[in-house]
Amino acid sequence: MTARELCASGNNELLKGSVHATASVVAAVMAAYNIAAWWYRRDRHLRINGVLYTLAFAWEVKQTLHHLTACEGSDVSPDVSKPAA
Protein backbone atom coordinates (compact mmCIF):
# COMPACT_ATOMS: atom_id res chain seq x y z
CA MET A 1 0.00 0.00 0.00
CA THR A 2 1.35 3.38 -0.98
CA ALA A 3 0.79 6.68 0.79
CA ARG A 4 -1.36 7.81 -2.13
CA GLU A 5 -3.64 4.76 -1.72
CA LEU A 6 -3.81 5.24 2.04
CA CYS A 7 -4.71 8.92 1.80
CA ALA A 8 -7.29 8.49 -0.96
CA SER A 9 -10.83 9.16 0.13
CA GLY A 10 -12.78 5.95 0.74
CA ASN A 11 -9.70 3.78 1.34
CA ASN A 12 -8.80 2.47 4.79
CA GLU A 13 -11.30 4.73 6.54
CA LEU A 14 -11.34 2.52 9.66
CA LEU A 15 -7.56 2.80 9.99
CA LYS A 16 -7.62 6.57 9.49
CA GLY A 17 -10.48 6.90 11.99
CA SER A 18 -8.51 4.86 14.52
CA VAL A 19 -5.48 7.13 14.16
CA HIS A 20 -7.65 10.21 14.73
CA ALA A 21 -9.38 8.53 17.70
CA THR A 22 -5.98 7.86 19.28
CA ALA A 23 -4.96 11.46 18.68
CA SER A 24 -8.19 12.66 20.32
CA VAL A 25 -7.42 10.63 23.45
CA VAL A 26 -3.92 12.13 23.63
CA ALA A 27 -5.31 15.66 23.11
CA ALA A 28 -7.95 15.09 25.81
CA VAL A 29 -5.32 13.97 28.34
CA MET A 30 -3.11 16.94 27.49
CA ALA A 31 -6.06 19.35 27.78
CA ALA A 32 -7.08 17.90 31.14
CA TYR A 33 -3.52 18.14 32.46
CA ASN A 34 -3.04 21.74 31.34
CA ILE A 35 -6.45 22.87 32.62
CA ALA A 36 -5.84 21.23 36.00
CA ALA A 37 -2.35 22.72 36.22
CA TRP A 38 -3.69 26.16 35.30
CA TRP A 39 -6.38 25.83 37.99
CA TYR A 40 -3.65 25.57 40.64
CA ARG A 41 -0.80 27.68 39.22
CA ARG A 42 -2.57 30.27 37.00
CA ASP A 43 0.32 30.45 34.56
CA ARG A 44 -0.57 32.05 31.24
CA HIS A 45 1.03 29.32 29.10
CA LEU A 46 -1.05 26.64 30.85
CA ARG A 47 -4.26 28.48 30.01
CA ILE A 48 -3.21 28.85 26.37
CA ASN A 49 -2.18 25.18 26.19
CA GLY A 50 -5.48 24.12 27.75
CA VAL A 51 -7.43 26.03 25.12
CA LEU A 52 -5.29 24.76 22.24
CA TYR A 53 -5.45 21.13 23.36
CA THR A 54 -9.22 21.42 23.84
CA LEU A 55 -9.54 22.70 20.28
CA ALA A 56 -7.27 19.89 19.05
CA PHE A 57 -9.48 17.38 20.86
CA ALA A 58 -12.61 18.79 19.18
CA TRP A 59 -10.90 18.70 15.77
CA GLU A 60 -9.78 15.08 16.21
CA VAL A 61 -13.27 13.99 17.31
CA LYS A 62 -14.69 15.67 14.19
CA GLN A 63 -12.16 13.88 11.98
CA THR A 64 -12.81 10.54 13.70
CA LEU A 65 -16.54 10.86 13.11
CA HIS A 66 -15.89 11.86 9.50
CA HIS A 67 -13.91 8.66 8.85
CA LEU A 68 -16.31 6.41 10.77
CA THR A 69 -19.26 7.87 8.88
CA ALA A 70 -17.46 7.01 5.63
CA CYS A 71 -17.11 3.42 6.91
CA GLU A 72 -20.86 3.07 7.38
CA GLY A 73 -21.52 3.39 3.65
CA SER A 74 -18.86 0.88 2.65
CA ASP A 75 -18.21 -2.77 3.35
CA VAL A 76 -15.19 -2.87 5.65
CA SER A 77 -15.06 -6.68 5.74
CA PRO A 78 -12.88 -8.38 3.14
CA ASP A 79 -14.63 -9.98 0.19
CA VAL A 80 -13.91 -13.69 0.60
CA SER A 81 -15.64 -14.62 -2.66
CA LYS A 82 -12.75 -13.22 -4.71
CA PRO A 83 -9.48 -15.13 -4.76
CA ALA A 84 -6.46 -13.22 -3.53
CA ALA A 85 -4.27 -11.91 -6.34
PDB file of N, CA and C in Angstrom:
ATOM      1  N   MET A   1       0.842  -1.168   0.000  1.00  0.00           N
ATOM      2  CA  MET A   1       0.000   0.000   0.000  1.00  0.00           C
ATOM      3  C   MET A   1       0.893   1.240   0.000  1.00  0.00           C
ATOM      4  N   THR A   2       0.582   2.135  -0.901  1.00  0.00           N
ATOM      5  CA  THR A   2       1.353   3.376  -0.984  1.00  0.00           C
ATOM      6  C   THR A   2       0.654   4.466  -0.179  1.00  0.00           C
ATOM      7  N   ALA A   3       1.371   5.553   0.071  1.00  0.00           N
ATOM      8  CA  ALA A   3       0.791   6.681   0.794  1.00  0.00           C
ATOM      9  C   ALA A   3      -0.385   7.271   0.017  1.00  0.00           C
ATOM     10  N   ARG A   4      -0.279   7.272  -1.302  1.00  0.00           N
ATOM     11  CA  ARG A   4      -1.363   7.806  -2.129  1.00  0.00           C
ATOM     12  C   ARG A   4      -2.633   6.964  -1.961  1.00  0.00           C
ATOM     13  N   GLU A   5      -2.476   5.640  -1.920  1.00  0.00           N
ATOM     14  CA  GLU A   5      -3.636   4.763  -1.719  1.00  0.00           C
ATOM     15  C   GLU A   5      -4.223   4.942  -0.321  1.00  0.00           C
ATOM     16  N   LEU A   6      -3.353   5.066   0.668  1.00  0.00           N
ATOM     17  CA  LEU A   6      -3.813   5.237   2.045  1.00  0.00           C
ATOM     18  C   LEU A   6      -4.587   6.531   2.216  1.00  0.00           C
ATOM     19  N   CYS A   7      -4.104   7.598   1.615  1.00  0.00           N
ATOM     20  CA  CYS A   7      -4.714   8.917   1.796  1.00  0.00           C
ATOM     21  C   CYS A   7      -5.926   9.158   0.910  1.00  0.00           C
ATOM     22  N   ALA A   8      -6.155   8.301  -0.062  1.00  0.00           N
ATOM     23  CA  ALA A   8      -7.290   8.486  -0.965  1.00  0.00           C
ATOM     24  C   ALA A   8      -8.598   8.339  -0.197  1.00  0.00           C
ATOM     25  N   SER A   9      -9.532   9.193  -0.515  1.00  0.00           N
ATOM     26  CA  SER A   9     -10.834   9.161   0.133  1.00  0.00           C
ATOM     27  C   SER A   9     -11.532   7.834  -0.157  1.00  0.00           C
ATOM     28  N   GLY A  10     -12.068   7.223   0.888  1.00  0.00           N
ATOM     29  CA  GLY A  10     -12.776   5.955   0.737  1.00  0.00           C
ATOM     30  C   GLY A  10     -11.915   4.741   0.997  1.00  0.00           C
ATOM     31  N   ASN A  11     -10.604   4.901   1.067  1.00  0.00           N
ATOM     32  CA  ASN A  11      -9.699   3.784   1.340  1.00  0.00           C
ATOM     33  C   ASN A  11      -9.269   3.798   2.800  1.00  0.00           C
ATOM     34  N   ASN A  12      -9.312   2.641   3.432  1.00  0.00           N
ATOM     35  CA  ASN A  12      -8.798   2.473   4.794  1.00  0.00           C
ATOM     36  C   ASN A  12      -9.387   3.467   5.786  1.00  0.00           C
ATOM     37  N   GLU A  13     -10.664   3.734   5.682  1.00  0.00           N
ATOM     38  CA  GLU A  13     -11.302   4.729   6.545  1.00  0.00           C
ATOM     39  C   GLU A  13     -11.271   4.296   8.014  1.00  0.00           C
ATOM     40  N   LEU A  14     -11.383   3.003   8.277  1.00  0.00           N
ATOM     41  CA  LEU A  14     -11.339   2.523   9.661  1.00  0.00           C
ATOM     42  C   LEU A  14      -9.964   2.771  10.274  1.00  0.00           C
ATOM     43  N   LEU A  15      -8.920   2.535   9.513  1.00  0.00           N
ATOM     44  CA  LEU A  15      -7.561   2.796   9.987  1.00  0.00           C
ATOM     45  C   LEU A  15      -7.370   4.286  10.267  1.00  0.00           C
ATOM     46  N   LYS A  16      -7.782   5.127   9.327  1.00  0.00           N
ATOM     47  CA  LYS A  16      -7.621   6.569   9.495  1.00  0.00           C
ATOM     48  C   LYS A  16      -8.448   7.073  10.674  1.00  0.00           C
ATOM     49  N   GLY A  17      -9.647   6.531  10.842  1.00  0.00           N
ATOM     50  CA  GLY A  17     -10.476   6.900  11.987  1.00  0.00           C
ATOM     51  C   GLY A  17      -9.835   6.490  13.299  1.00  0.00           C
ATOM     52  N   SER A  18      -9.185   5.332  13.311  1.00  0.00           N
ATOM     53  CA  SER A  18      -8.506   4.861  14.520  1.00  0.00           C
ATOM     54  C   SER A  18      -7.333   5.766  14.894  1.00  0.00           C
ATOM     55  N   VAL A  19      -6.605   6.222  13.899  1.00  0.00           N
ATOM     56  CA  VAL A  19      -5.485   7.130  14.160  1.00  0.00           C
ATOM     57  C   VAL A  19      -6.006   8.441  14.760  1.00  0.00           C
ATOM     58  N   HIS A  20      -7.085   8.974  14.204  1.00  0.00           N
ATOM     59  CA  HIS A  20      -7.649  10.212  14.735  1.00  0.00           C
ATOM     60  C   HIS A  20      -8.246   9.994  16.125  1.00  0.00           C
ATOM     61  N   ALA A  21      -8.841   8.829  16.369  1.00  0.00           N
ATOM     62  CA  ALA A  21      -9.381   8.531  17.702  1.00  0.00           C
ATOM     63  C   ALA A  21      -8.260   8.494  18.741  1.00  0.00           C
ATOM     64  N   THR A  22      -7.133   7.887  18.372  1.00  0.00           N
ATOM     65  CA  THR A  22      -5.984   7.859  19.275  1.00  0.00           C
ATOM     66  C   THR A  22      -5.472   9.270  19.545  1.00  0.00           C
ATOM     67  N   ALA A  23      -5.407  10.077  18.507  1.00  0.00           N
ATOM     68  CA  ALA A  23      -4.964  11.464  18.680  1.00  0.00           C
ATOM     69  C   ALA A  23      -5.936  12.246  19.561  1.00  0.00           C
ATOM     70  N   SER A  24      -7.222  11.946  19.475  1.00  0.00           N
ATOM     71  CA  SER A  24      -8.192  12.656  20.317  1.00  0.00           C
ATOM     72  C   SER A  24      -8.023  12.284  21.785  1.00  0.00           C
ATOM     73  N   VAL A  25      -7.681  11.034  22.064  1.00  0.00           N
ATOM     74  CA  VAL A  25      -7.422  10.626  23.449  1.00  0.00           C
ATOM     75  C   VAL A  25      -6.197  11.354  24.000  1.00  0.00           C
ATOM     76  N   VAL A  26      -5.143  11.423  23.203  1.00  0.00           N
ATOM     77  CA  VAL A  26      -3.924  12.127  23.626  1.00  0.00           C
ATOM     78  C   VAL A  26      -4.236  13.609  23.866  1.00  0.00           C
ATOM     79  N   ALA A  27      -4.964  14.237  22.954  1.00  0.00           N
ATOM     80  CA  ALA A  27      -5.308  15.658  23.106  1.00  0.00           C
ATOM     81  C   ALA A  27      -6.179  15.878  24.343  1.00  0.00           C
ATOM     82  N   ALA A  28      -7.096  14.960  24.624  1.00  0.00           N
ATOM     83  CA  ALA A  28      -7.950  15.095  25.809  1.00  0.00           C
ATOM     84  C   ALA A  28      -7.133  15.018  27.098  1.00  0.00           C
ATOM     85  N   VAL A  29      -6.185  14.093  27.152  1.00  0.00           N
ATOM     86  CA  VAL A  29      -5.325  13.975  28.336  1.00  0.00           C
ATOM     87  C   VAL A  29      -4.487  15.234  28.505  1.00  0.00           C
ATOM     88  N   MET A  30      -3.932  15.732  27.422  1.00  0.00           N
ATOM     89  CA  MET A  30      -3.111  16.940  27.492  1.00  0.00           C
ATOM     90  C   MET A  30      -3.950  18.154  27.907  1.00  0.00           C
ATOM     91  N   ALA A  31      -5.175  18.251  27.386  1.00  0.00           N
ATOM     92  CA  ALA A  31      -6.061  19.352  27.776  1.00  0.00           C
ATOM     93  C   ALA A  31      -6.393  19.263  29.257  1.00  0.00           C
ATOM     94  N   ALA A  32      -6.736  18.075  29.717  1.00  0.00           N
ATOM     95  CA  ALA A  32      -7.075  17.897  31.135  1.00  0.00           C
ATOM     96  C   ALA A  32      -5.896  18.258  32.036  1.00  0.00           C
ATOM     97  N   TYR A  33      -4.709  17.823  31.668  1.00  0.00           N
ATOM     98  CA  TYR A  33      -3.517  18.140  32.461  1.00  0.00           C
ATOM     99  C   TYR A  33      -3.288  19.651  32.527  1.00  0.00           C
ATOM    100  N   ASN A  34      -3.320  20.309  31.375  1.00  0.00           N
ATOM    101  CA  ASN A  34      -3.036  21.735  31.337  1.00  0.00           C
ATOM    102  C   ASN A  34      -4.116  22.563  32.041  1.00  0.00           C
ATOM    103  N   ILE A  35      -5.365  22.164  31.924  1.00  0.00           N
ATOM    104  CA  ILE A  35      -6.447  22.872  32.616  1.00  0.00           C
ATOM    105  C   ILE A  35      -6.314  22.693  34.124  1.00  0.00           C
ATOM    106  N   ALA A  36      -6.024  21.466  34.559  1.00  0.00           N
ATOM    107  CA  ALA A  36      -5.838  21.226  35.996  1.00  0.00           C
ATOM    108  C   ALA A  36      -4.626  21.989  36.529  1.00  0.00           C
ATOM    109  N   ALA A  37      -3.541  21.997  35.796  1.00  0.00           N
ATOM    110  CA  ALA A  37      -2.350  22.721  36.225  1.00  0.00           C
ATOM    111  C   ALA A  37      -2.622  24.224  36.267  1.00  0.00           C
ATOM    112  N   TRP A  38      -3.359  24.740  35.300  1.00  0.00           N
ATOM    113  CA  TRP A  38      -3.695  26.162  35.298  1.00  0.00           C
ATOM    114  C   TRP A  38      -4.574  26.512  36.499  1.00  0.00           C
ATOM    115  N   TRP A  39      -5.476  25.590  36.861  1.00  0.00           N
ATOM    116  CA  TRP A  39      -6.379  25.830  37.994  1.00  0.00           C
ATOM    117  C   TRP A  39      -5.587  26.112  39.276  1.00  0.00           C
ATOM    118  N   TYR A  40      -4.451  25.407  39.429  1.00  0.00           N
ATOM    119  CA  TYR A  40      -3.646  25.566  40.641  1.00  0.00           C
ATOM    120  C   TYR A  40      -2.558  26.627  40.525  1.00  0.00           C
ATOM    121  N   ARG A  41      -1.964  26.784  39.344  1.00  0.00           N
ATOM    122  CA  ARG A  41      -0.803  27.679  39.217  1.00  0.00           C
ATOM    123  C   ARG A  41      -1.112  28.992  38.519  1.00  0.00           C
ATOM    124  N   ARG A  42      -2.160  29.054  37.713  1.00  0.00           N
ATOM    125  CA  ARG A  42      -2.574  30.269  36.998  1.00  0.00           C
ATOM    126  C   ARG A  42      -1.501  30.857  36.088  1.00  0.00           C
ATOM    127  N   ASP A  43      -0.666  29.988  35.532  1.00  0.00           N
ATOM    128  CA  ASP A  43       0.324  30.453  34.563  1.00  0.00           C
ATOM    129  C   ASP A  43      -0.353  30.654  33.203  1.00  0.00           C
ATOM    130  N   ARG A  44       0.050  31.709  32.513  1.00  0.00           N
ATOM    131  CA  ARG A  44      -0.574  32.051  31.240  1.00  0.00           C
ATOM    132  C   ARG A  44      -0.405  30.936  30.204  1.00  0.00           C
ATOM    133  N   HIS A  45       0.787  30.345  30.129  1.00  0.00           N
ATOM    134  CA  HIS A  45       1.027  29.325  29.099  1.00  0.00           C
ATOM    135  C   HIS A  45       0.162  28.082  29.331  1.00  0.00           C
ATOM    136  N   LEU A  46      -0.178  27.791  30.579  1.00  0.00           N
ATOM    137  CA  LEU A  46      -1.047  26.640  30.849  1.00  0.00           C
ATOM    138  C   LEU A  46      -2.467  26.900  30.355  1.00  0.00           C
ATOM    139  N   ARG A  47      -2.933  28.124  30.507  1.00  0.00           N
ATOM    140  CA  ARG A  47      -4.263  28.484  30.009  1.00  0.00           C
ATOM    141  C   ARG A  47      -4.301  28.378  28.486  1.00  0.00           C
ATOM    142  N   ILE A  48      -3.268  28.901  27.841  1.00  0.00           N
ATOM    143  CA  ILE A  48      -3.207  28.848  26.374  1.00  0.00           C
ATOM    144  C   ILE A  48      -3.136  27.396  25.911  1.00  0.00           C
ATOM    145  N   ASN A  49      -2.284  26.592  26.561  1.00  0.00           N
ATOM    146  CA  ASN A  49      -2.179  25.182  26.193  1.00  0.00           C
ATOM    147  C   ASN A  49      -3.502  24.452  26.397  1.00  0.00           C
ATOM    148  N   GLY A  50      -4.185  24.756  27.489  1.00  0.00           N
ATOM    149  CA  GLY A  50      -5.480  24.123  27.748  1.00  0.00           C
ATOM    150  C   GLY A  50      -6.481  24.408  26.646  1.00  0.00           C
ATOM    151  N   VAL A  51      -6.515  25.652  26.202  1.00  0.00           N
ATOM    152  CA  VAL A  51      -7.426  26.031  25.117  1.00  0.00           C
ATOM    153  C   VAL A  51      -7.029  25.338  23.815  1.00  0.00           C
ATOM    154  N   LEU A  52      -5.742  25.368  23.501  1.00  0.00           N
ATOM    155  CA  LEU A  52      -5.289  24.760  22.241  1.00  0.00           C
ATOM    156  C   LEU A  52      -5.520  23.249  22.218  1.00  0.00           C
ATOM    157  N   TYR A  53      -5.229  22.572  23.320  1.00  0.00           N
ATOM    158  CA  TYR A  53      -5.453  21.127  23.357  1.00  0.00           C
ATOM    159  C   TYR A  53      -6.942  20.781  23.337  1.00  0.00           C
ATOM    160  N   THR A  54      -7.778  21.640  23.915  1.00  0.00           N
ATOM    161  CA  THR A  54      -9.223  21.419  23.841  1.00  0.00           C
ATOM    162  C   THR A  54      -9.705  21.554  22.398  1.00  0.00           C
ATOM    163  N   LEU A  55      -9.188  22.551  21.692  1.00  0.00           N
ATOM    164  CA  LEU A  55      -9.539  22.705  20.277  1.00  0.00           C
ATOM    165  C   LEU A  55      -9.024  21.529  19.446  1.00  0.00           C
ATOM    166  N   ALA A  56      -7.814  21.056  19.760  1.00  0.00           N
ATOM    167  CA  ALA A  56      -7.267  19.894  19.049  1.00  0.00           C
ATOM    168  C   ALA A  56      -8.132  18.665  19.301  1.00  0.00           C
ATOM    169  N   PHE A  57      -8.588  18.499  20.538  1.00  0.00           N
ATOM    170  CA  PHE A  57      -9.480  17.380  20.858  1.00  0.00           C
ATOM    171  C   PHE A  57     -10.755  17.445  20.023  1.00  0.00           C
ATOM    172  N   ALA A  58     -11.371  18.633  19.968  1.00  0.00           N
ATOM    173  CA  ALA A  58     -12.606  18.787  19.181  1.00  0.00           C
ATOM    174  C   ALA A  58     -12.361  18.481  17.706  1.00  0.00           C
ATOM    175  N   TRP A  59     -11.236  18.946  17.169  1.00  0.00           N
ATOM    176  CA  TRP A  59     -10.903  18.697  15.771  1.00  0.00           C
ATOM    177  C   TRP A  59     -10.727  17.194  15.508  1.00  0.00           C
ATOM    178  N   GLU A  60     -10.028  16.509  16.392  1.00  0.00           N
ATOM    179  CA  GLU A  60      -9.784  15.082  16.205  1.00  0.00           C
ATOM    180  C   GLU A  60     -11.070  14.269  16.323  1.00  0.00           C
ATOM    181  N   VAL A  61     -11.970  14.674  17.219  1.00  0.00           N
ATOM    182  CA  VAL A  61     -13.272  13.995  17.310  1.00  0.00           C
ATOM    183  C   VAL A  61     -14.040  14.181  16.010  1.00  0.00           C
ATOM    184  N   LYS A  62     -14.018  15.401  15.475  1.00  0.00           N
ATOM    185  CA  LYS A  62     -14.688  15.673  14.190  1.00  0.00           C
ATOM    186  C   LYS A  62     -14.117  14.796  13.082  1.00  0.00           C
ATOM    187  N   GLN A  63     -12.793  14.691  13.022  1.00  0.00           N
ATOM    188  CA  GLN A  63     -12.160  13.884  11.984  1.00  0.00           C
ATOM    189  C   GLN A  63     -12.461  12.399  12.180  1.00  0.00           C
ATOM    190  N   THR A  64     -12.480  11.942  13.426  1.00  0.00           N
ATOM    191  CA  THR A  64     -12.811  10.541  13.704  1.00  0.00           C
ATOM    192  C   THR A  64     -14.213  10.226  13.217  1.00  0.00           C
ATOM    193  N   LEU A  65     -15.166  11.080  13.551  1.00  0.00           N
ATOM    194  CA  LEU A  65     -16.545  10.863  13.112  1.00  0.00           C
ATOM    195  C   LEU A  65     -16.664  10.907  11.595  1.00  0.00           C
ATOM    196  N   HIS A  66     -15.891  11.775  10.965  1.00  0.00           N
ATOM    197  CA  HIS A  66     -15.893  11.857   9.503  1.00  0.00           C
ATOM    198  C   HIS A  66     -15.479  10.515   8.893  1.00  0.00           C
ATOM    199  N   HIS A  67     -14.397   9.929   9.405  1.00  0.00           N
ATOM    200  CA  HIS A  67     -13.914   8.661   8.849  1.00  0.00           C
ATOM    201  C   HIS A  67     -14.841   7.498   9.203  1.00  0.00           C
ATOM    202  N   LEU A  68     -15.399   7.492  10.398  1.00  0.00           N
ATOM    203  CA  LEU A  68     -16.308   6.408  10.770  1.00  0.00           C
ATOM    204  C   LEU A  68     -17.619   6.492  10.003  1.00  0.00           C
ATOM    205  N   THR A  69     -18.063   7.699   9.701  1.00  0.00           N
ATOM    206  CA  THR A  69     -19.262   7.867   8.878  1.00  0.00           C
ATOM    207  C   THR A  69     -19.008   7.329   7.468  1.00  0.00           C
ATOM    208  N   ALA A  70     -17.811   7.535   6.960  1.00  0.00           N
ATOM    209  CA  ALA A  70     -17.463   7.007   5.633  1.00  0.00           C
ATOM    210  C   ALA A  70     -17.440   5.481   5.650  1.00  0.00           C
ATOM    211  N   CYS A  71     -17.121   4.893   6.801  1.00  0.00           N
ATOM    212  CA  CYS A  71     -17.107   3.425   6.914  1.00  0.00           C
ATOM    213  C   CYS A  71     -18.513   2.840   6.854  1.00  0.00           C
ATOM    214  N   GLU A  72     -19.497   3.579   7.346  1.00  0.00           N
ATOM    215  CA  GLU A  72     -20.863   3.069   7.375  1.00  0.00           C
ATOM    216  C   GLU A  72     -21.395   2.772   5.984  1.00  0.00           C
ATOM    217  N   GLY A  73     -21.013   3.572   5.007  1.00  0.00           N
ATOM    218  CA  GLY A  73     -21.515   3.395   3.651  1.00  0.00           C
ATOM    219  C   GLY A  73     -20.769   2.350   2.856  1.00  0.00           C
ATOM    220  N   SER A  74     -19.649   1.852   3.394  1.00  0.00           N
ATOM    221  CA  SER A  74     -18.861   0.881   2.649  1.00  0.00           C
ATOM    222  C   SER A  74     -18.754  -0.415   3.431  1.00  0.00           C
ATOM    223  N   ASP A  75     -18.394  -1.462   2.732  1.00  0.00           N
ATOM    224  CA  ASP A  75     -18.210  -2.765   3.352  1.00  0.00           C
ATOM    225  C   ASP A  75     -16.767  -2.840   3.815  1.00  0.00           C
ATOM    226  N   VAL A  76     -16.548  -2.854   5.128  1.00  0.00           N
ATOM    227  CA  VAL A  76     -15.190  -2.874   5.650  1.00  0.00           C
ATOM    228  C   VAL A  76     -14.650  -4.302   5.803  1.00  0.00           C
ATOM    229  N   SER A  77     -15.526  -5.294   5.652  1.00  0.00           N
ATOM    230  CA  SER A  77     -15.059  -6.680   5.737  1.00  0.00           C
ATOM    231  C   SER A  77     -14.487  -7.101   4.390  1.00  0.00           C
ATOM    232  N   PRO A  78     -13.468  -7.953   4.405  1.00  0.00           N
ATOM    233  CA  PRO A  78     -12.879  -8.385   3.137  1.00  0.00           C
ATOM    234  C   PRO A  78     -13.854  -9.264   2.361  1.00  0.00           C
ATOM    235  N   ASP A  79     -13.781  -9.168   1.059  1.00  0.00           N
ATOM    236  CA  ASP A  79     -14.625  -9.977   0.191  1.00  0.00           C
ATOM    237  C   ASP A  79     -13.955 -11.333   0.023  1.00  0.00           C
ATOM    238  N   VAL A  80     -14.526 -12.362   0.640  1.00  0.00           N
ATOM    239  CA  VAL A  80     -13.911 -13.694   0.602  1.00  0.00           C
ATOM    240  C   VAL A  80     -14.299 -14.454  -0.652  1.00  0.00           C
ATOM    241  N   SER A  81     -15.234 -13.916  -1.446  1.00  0.00           N
ATOM    242  CA  SER A  81     -15.637 -14.616  -2.659  1.00  0.00           C
ATOM    243  C   SER A  81     -14.615 -14.457  -3.774  1.00  0.00           C
ATOM    244  N   LYS A  82     -13.772 -13.432  -3.688  1.00  0.00           N
ATOM    245  CA  LYS A  82     -12.745 -13.216  -4.706  1.00  0.00           C
ATOM    246  C   LYS A  82     -11.454 -13.857  -4.253  1.00  0.00           C
ATOM    247  N   PRO A  83     -10.785 -14.571  -5.148  1.00  0.00           N
ATOM    248  CA  PRO A  83      -9.477 -15.132  -4.758  1.00  0.00           C
ATOM    249  C   PRO A  83      -8.431 -14.022  -4.648  1.00  0.00           C
ATOM    250  N   ALA A  84      -7.511 -14.206  -3.723  1.00  0.00           N
ATOM    251  CA  ALA A  84      -6.458 -13.216  -3.527  1.00  0.00           C
ATOM    252  C   ALA A  84      -5.538 -13.203  -4.741  1.00  0.00           C
ATOM    253  N   ALA A  85      -5.140 -12.014  -5.151  1.00  0.00           N
ATOM    254  CA  ALA A  85      -4.270 -11.908  -6.336  1.00  0.00           C
ATOM    255  C   ALA A  85      -2.829 -11.901  -5.937  1.00  0.00           C
TER     256      ALA A  85
END
